[in-house]
C-alpha atoms as a PDB file:
ATOM      1  CA  MET A   1      27.611  75.312 108.707  1.00  0.00           C
ATOM      2  CA  ALA A   2      27.710  71.694 107.947  1.00  0.00           C
ATOM      3  CA  PHE A   3      28.744  72.262 104.194  1.00  0.00           C
ATOM      4  CA  HIS A   4      31.754  74.423 105.567  1.00  0.00           C
ATOM      5  CA  ALA A   5      33.200  71.772 107.917  1.00  0.00           C
ATOM      6  CA  LEU A   6      32.991  69.204 105.213  1.00  0.00           C
ATOM      7  CA  LEU A   7      35.226  71.613 102.927  1.00  0.00           C
ATOM      8  CA  ILE A   8      37.748  72.234 105.571  1.00  0.00           C
ATOM      9  CA  GLY A   9      38.048  68.601 106.796  1.00  0.00           C
ATOM     10  CA  SER A  10      38.696  67.596 102.968  1.00  0.00           C
ATOM     11  CA  ILE A  11      41.565  69.999 102.473  1.00  0.00           C
ATOM     12  CA  SER A  12      45.026  68.426 102.922  1.00  0.00           C
ATOM     13  CA  ALA A  13      48.063  70.583 104.023  1.00  0.00           C
ATOM     14  CA  SER A  14      51.235  70.041 101.840  1.00  0.00           C
ATOM     15  CA  ALA A  15      55.035  70.939 102.145  1.00  0.00           C
ATOM     16  CA  GLN A  16      57.633  71.374  99.776  1.00  0.00           C
ATOM     17  CA  THR A  17      61.261  72.037 100.459  1.00  0.00           C
ATOM     18  CA  SER A  18      64.219  73.046  98.544  1.00  0.00           C
ATOM     19  CA  GLU A  19      67.830  74.019  99.020  1.00  0.00           C
ATOM     20  CA  LEU A  20      69.555  77.329  98.866  1.00  0.00           C
ATOM     21  CA  THR A  21      73.248  77.059  98.218  1.00  0.00           C
ATOM     22  CA  VAL A  22      75.350  79.707  99.852  1.00  0.00           C
ATOM     23  CA  THR A  23      78.951  80.509  98.043  1.00  0.00           C
ATOM     24  CA  ALA A  24      81.515  83.191  98.077  1.00  0.00           C
ATOM     25  CA  VAL A  25      85.085  83.533  97.003  1.00  0.00           C
ATOM     26  CA  VAL A  26      87.785  85.243  98.800  1.00  0.00           C
ATOM     27  CA  ALA A  27      90.125  86.498  96.703  1.00  0.00           C
ATOM     28  CA  ASN A  28      93.938  86.211  97.523  1.00  0.00           C
ATOM     29  CA  GLU A  29      94.408  89.641  98.574  1.00  0.00           C
ATOM     30  CA  CYS A  30      96.666  91.605 100.922  1.00  0.00           C
ATOM     31  CA  THR A  31      96.264  94.645 102.741  1.00  0.00           C
ATOM     32  CA  ILE A  32      98.545  97.485 104.808  1.00  0.00           C
ATOM     33  CA  ASN A  33      97.865  99.912 107.424  1.00  0.00           C
ATOM     34  CA  ALA A  34     100.308 102.310 108.993  1.00  0.00           C
ATOM     35  CA  THR A  35     100.147 104.473 112.275  1.00  0.00           C
ATOM     36  CA  THR A  36     102.009 107.647 112.737  1.00  0.00           C
ATOM     37  CA  LEU A  37     105.621 107.842 113.940  1.00  0.00           C
ATOM     38  CA  ASP A  38     105.533 110.565 116.493  1.00  0.00           C
ATOM     39  CA  PHE A  39     108.661 112.531 117.845  1.00  0.00           C
ATOM     40  CA  ALA A  40     106.698 114.676 119.829  1.00  0.00           C
ATOM     41  CA  ASN A  41     108.465 117.674 121.306  1.00  0.00           C
ATOM     42  CA  LEU A  42     112.472 117.904 120.288  1.00  0.00           C
ATOM     43  CA  ASN A  43     114.882 118.989 122.711  1.00  0.00           C
ATOM     44  CA  LEU A  44     117.035 121.534 121.499  1.00  0.00           C
ATOM     45  CA  GLY A  45     120.271 120.197 120.248  1.00  0.00           C
ATOM     46  CA  ALA A  46     119.674 116.713 121.534  1.00  0.00           C
ATOM     47  CA  SER A  47     119.306 113.490 119.645  1.00  0.00           C
ATOM     48  CA  THR A  48     115.426 112.546 119.883  1.00  0.00           C
ATOM     49  CA  THR A  49     113.995 109.247 119.254  1.00  0.00           C
ATOM     50  CA  GLU A  50     110.211 108.689 118.600  1.00  0.00           C
ATOM     51  CA  GLN A  51     108.045 108.881 121.553  1.00  0.00           C
ATOM     52  CA  SER A  52     106.050 105.878 120.006  1.00  0.00           C
ATOM     53  CA  PRO A  53     107.231 103.590 117.147  1.00  0.00           C
ATOM     54  CA  GLY A  54     104.978 103.677 114.104  1.00  0.00           C
ATOM     55  CA  LEU A  55     103.439 100.294 113.233  1.00  0.00           C
ATOM     56  CA  VAL A  56     102.810  98.836 109.826  1.00  0.00           C
ATOM     57  CA  GLU A  57     100.189  95.909 109.853  1.00  0.00           C
ATOM     58  CA  VAL A  58     100.216  93.860 106.848  1.00  0.00           C
ATOM     59  CA  VAL A  59      97.704  90.737 106.182  1.00  0.00           C
ATOM     60  CA  CYS A  60      96.842  88.490 103.431  1.00  0.00           C
ATOM     61  CA  THR A  61      93.704  86.167 102.587  1.00  0.00           C
ATOM     62  CA  ALA A  62      96.045  83.358 101.445  1.00  0.00           C
ATOM     63  CA  ALA A  63      99.436  82.617 102.339  1.00  0.00           C
ATOM     64  CA  SER A  64     101.682  84.935 100.081  1.00  0.00           C
ATOM     65  CA  PRO A  65     105.053  86.021  99.385  1.00  0.00           C
ATOM     66  CA  VAL A  66     105.147  89.872 100.028  1.00  0.00           C
ATOM     67  CA  THR A  67     107.451  92.756 100.091  1.00  0.00           C
ATOM     68  CA  VAL A  68     107.080  95.829 101.905  1.00  0.00           C
ATOM     69  CA  THR A  69     109.046  99.117 100.985  1.00  0.00           C
ATOM     70  CA  VAL A  70     109.210 102.438 102.457  1.00  0.00           C
ATOM     71  CA  ASP A  71     109.904 105.582 100.163  1.00  0.00           C
ATOM     72  CA  GLY A  72     111.773 108.626 100.973  1.00  0.00           C
ATOM     73  CA  GLY A  73     108.859 110.887 102.097  1.00  0.00           C
ATOM     74  CA  ASP A  74     107.705 114.248 100.690  1.00  0.00           C
ATOM     75  CA  ASN A  75     110.530 116.275 101.807  1.00  0.00           C
ATOM     76  CA  GLN A  76     113.465 114.303 100.952  1.00  0.00           C
ATOM     77  CA  ALA A  77     117.005 115.714  99.715  1.00  0.00           C
ATOM     78  CA  THR A  78     119.937 114.258  98.816  1.00  0.00           C
ATOM     79  CA  GLY A  79     119.105 110.622 100.304  1.00  0.00           C
ATOM     80  CA  VAL A  80     117.943 112.186 103.432  1.00  0.00           C
ATOM     81  CA  ARG A  81     114.416 112.184 104.767  1.00  0.00           C
ATOM     82  CA  ARG A  82     113.096 115.246 106.127  1.00  0.00           C
ATOM     83  CA  MET A  83     110.101 116.719 108.062  1.00  0.00           C
ATOM     84  CA  SER A  84     108.899 120.024 106.905  1.00  0.00           C
ATOM     85  CA  ASN A  85     107.350 123.248 108.858  1.00  0.00           C
ATOM     86  CA  GLY A  86     105.912 124.382 105.350  1.00  0.00           C
ATOM     87  CA  SER A  87     107.922 127.546 106.035  1.00  0.00           C
ATOM     88  CA  GLY A  88     111.251 126.570 104.776  1.00  0.00           C
ATOM     89  CA  GLY A  89     112.461 124.827 107.869  1.00  0.00           C
ATOM     90  CA  PHE A  90     113.391 121.054 107.938  1.00  0.00           C
ATOM     91  CA  VAL A  91     114.456 118.295 110.326  1.00  0.00           C
ATOM     92  CA  PRO A  92     116.322 115.624 109.059  1.00  0.00           C
ATOM     93  CA  TYR A  93     115.246 111.930 110.504  1.00  0.00           C
ATOM     94  CA  SER A  94     116.053 108.424 109.910  1.00  0.00           C
ATOM     95  CA  ILE A  95     114.201 105.317 110.468  1.00  0.00           C
ATOM     96  CA  PHE A  96     114.848 101.862 111.602  1.00  0.00           C
ATOM     97  CA  THR A  97     113.488  98.324 112.095  1.00  0.00           C
ATOM     98  CA  GLY A  98     114.588  95.852 114.918  1.00  0.00           C
ATOM     99  CA  ILE A  99     115.040  96.052 118.446  1.00  0.00           C
ATOM    100  CA  GLY A 100     117.334  98.614 119.349  1.00  0.00           C
ATOM    101  CA  ARG A 101     116.753 100.345 115.926  1.00  0.00           C
ATOM    102  CA  ALA A 102     119.272  97.914 114.580  1.00  0.00           C
ATOM    103  CA  THR A 103     118.599  97.867 110.806  1.00  0.00           C
ATOM    104  CA  PRO A 104     118.445 101.382 109.175  1.00  0.00           C
ATOM    105  CA  ILE A 105     115.727 101.862 106.486  1.00  0.00           C
ATOM    106  CA  GLY A 106     116.961 103.535 103.456  1.00  0.00           C
ATOM    107  CA  ILE A 107     115.428 105.402 100.842  1.00  0.00           C
ATOM    108  CA  GLY A 108     113.088 102.632  98.930  1.00  0.00           C
ATOM    109  CA  GLY A 109     114.344 100.339 101.581  1.00  0.00           C
ATOM    110  CA  THR A 110     112.604  96.994 102.105  1.00  0.00           C
ATOM    111  CA  ILE A 111     111.210  96.361 105.502  1.00  0.00           C
ATOM    112  CA  LEU A 112     109.551  93.201 104.961  1.00  0.00           C
ATOM    113  CA  SER A 113     110.182  90.282 102.473  1.00  0.00           C
ATOM    114  CA  ASP A 114     108.474  87.158 103.379  1.00  0.00           C
ATOM    115  CA  THR A 115     105.858  84.578 102.906  1.00  0.00           C
ATOM    116  CA  LEU A 116     103.032  85.412 105.366  1.00  0.00           C
ATOM    117  CA  ALA A 117     100.595  83.045 106.283  1.00  0.00           C
ATOM    118  CA  SER A 118      97.262  83.199 105.393  1.00  0.00           C
ATOM    119  CA  ALA A 119      95.003  85.621 107.646  1.00  0.00           C
ATOM    120  CA  THR A 120      97.749  86.220 109.957  1.00  0.00           C
ATOM    121  CA  PRO A 121      98.506  89.687 110.660  1.00  0.00           C
ATOM    122  CA  ARG A 122     102.374  90.640 110.451  1.00  0.00           C
ATOM    123  CA  ASN A 123     102.990  93.786 112.631  1.00  0.00           C
ATOM    124  CA  LEU A 124     106.221  95.738 111.754  1.00  0.00           C
ATOM    125  CA  LEU A 125     107.514  98.225 114.155  1.00  0.00           C
ATOM    126  CA  ILE A 126     109.201 101.509 112.939  1.00  0.00           C
ATOM    127  CA  TYR A 127     111.503 103.334 115.036  1.00  0.00           C
ATOM    128  CA  GLY A 128     112.841 106.782 114.210  1.00  0.00           C
ATOM    129  CA  LEU A 129     115.702 109.094 115.135  1.00  0.00           C
ATOM    130  CA  VAL A 130     116.271 112.904 114.796  1.00  0.00           C
ATOM    131  CA  PRO A 131     120.011 113.572 114.981  1.00  0.00           C
ATOM    132  CA  GLY A 132     121.138 116.006 117.878  1.00  0.00           C
ATOM    133  CA  SER A 133     123.510 118.834 118.009  1.00  0.00           C
ATOM    134  CA  THR A 134     121.372 120.986 115.779  1.00  0.00           C
ATOM    135  CA  VAL A 135     119.192 123.843 116.487  1.00  0.00           C
ATOM    136  CA  TYR A 136     115.682 123.658 114.412  1.00  0.00           C
ATOM    137  CA  PRO A 137     113.604 126.408 113.549  1.00  0.00           C
ATOM    138  CA  ALA A 138     110.589 126.468 115.855  1.00  0.00           C
ATOM    139  CA  GLY A 139     107.385 124.948 114.091  1.00  0.00           C
ATOM    140  CA  SER A 140     105.470 121.909 113.995  1.00  0.00           C
ATOM    141  CA  TYR A 141     106.760 119.567 111.549  1.00  0.00           C
ATOM    142  CA  SER A 142     105.634 116.810 109.545  1.00  0.00           C
ATOM    143  CA  ASP A 143     106.366 114.308 106.343  1.00  0.00           C
ATOM    144  CA  THR A 144     104.678 111.792 104.832  1.00  0.00           C
ATOM    145  CA  LEU A 145     106.364 108.653 103.625  1.00  0.00           C
ATOM    146  CA  THR A 146     104.548 106.020 101.228  1.00  0.00           C
ATOM    147  CA  VAL A 147     104.606 102.244 102.399  1.00  0.00           C
ATOM    148  CA  THR A 148     104.299 100.121  99.601  1.00  0.00           C
ATOM    149  CA  LEU A 149     103.102  96.496  99.396  1.00  0.00           C
ATOM    150  CA  SER A 150     103.854  94.184  96.715  1.00  0.00           C
ATOM    151  CA  TYR A 151     102.440  90.617  96.450  1.00  0.00           C
END
């Protein structure tokens, strides 16, 4: 036992340190997300506005000049956006930006051309209108617009 006690007492503890460097690169990148523009139930022969405006959100990791455009959708004809019921029925509609639907968005129209601040989301409200005084065939109608972010 005395021998073990001598060995334990003569062992010295030591410690070493090192540094671990942590790095990352955040690329200049922008993202875009869009919600649904829902007209809900259309009233026979009456102009109908959307029940809730659609929202397009754009955010960039660095201050960036951006442009956001909207195409004519899957069912456009002669420069008019249209929703389809899949059975040959169509409901035309228009989209707008701004309070009171002040600015119409044409086919391929720009809804944003600006420099965005770094990591600050920009929310763009898209409003819609179905013209009245027309009776449309019964059915569920839809269209898909492509919203393009260029930066």
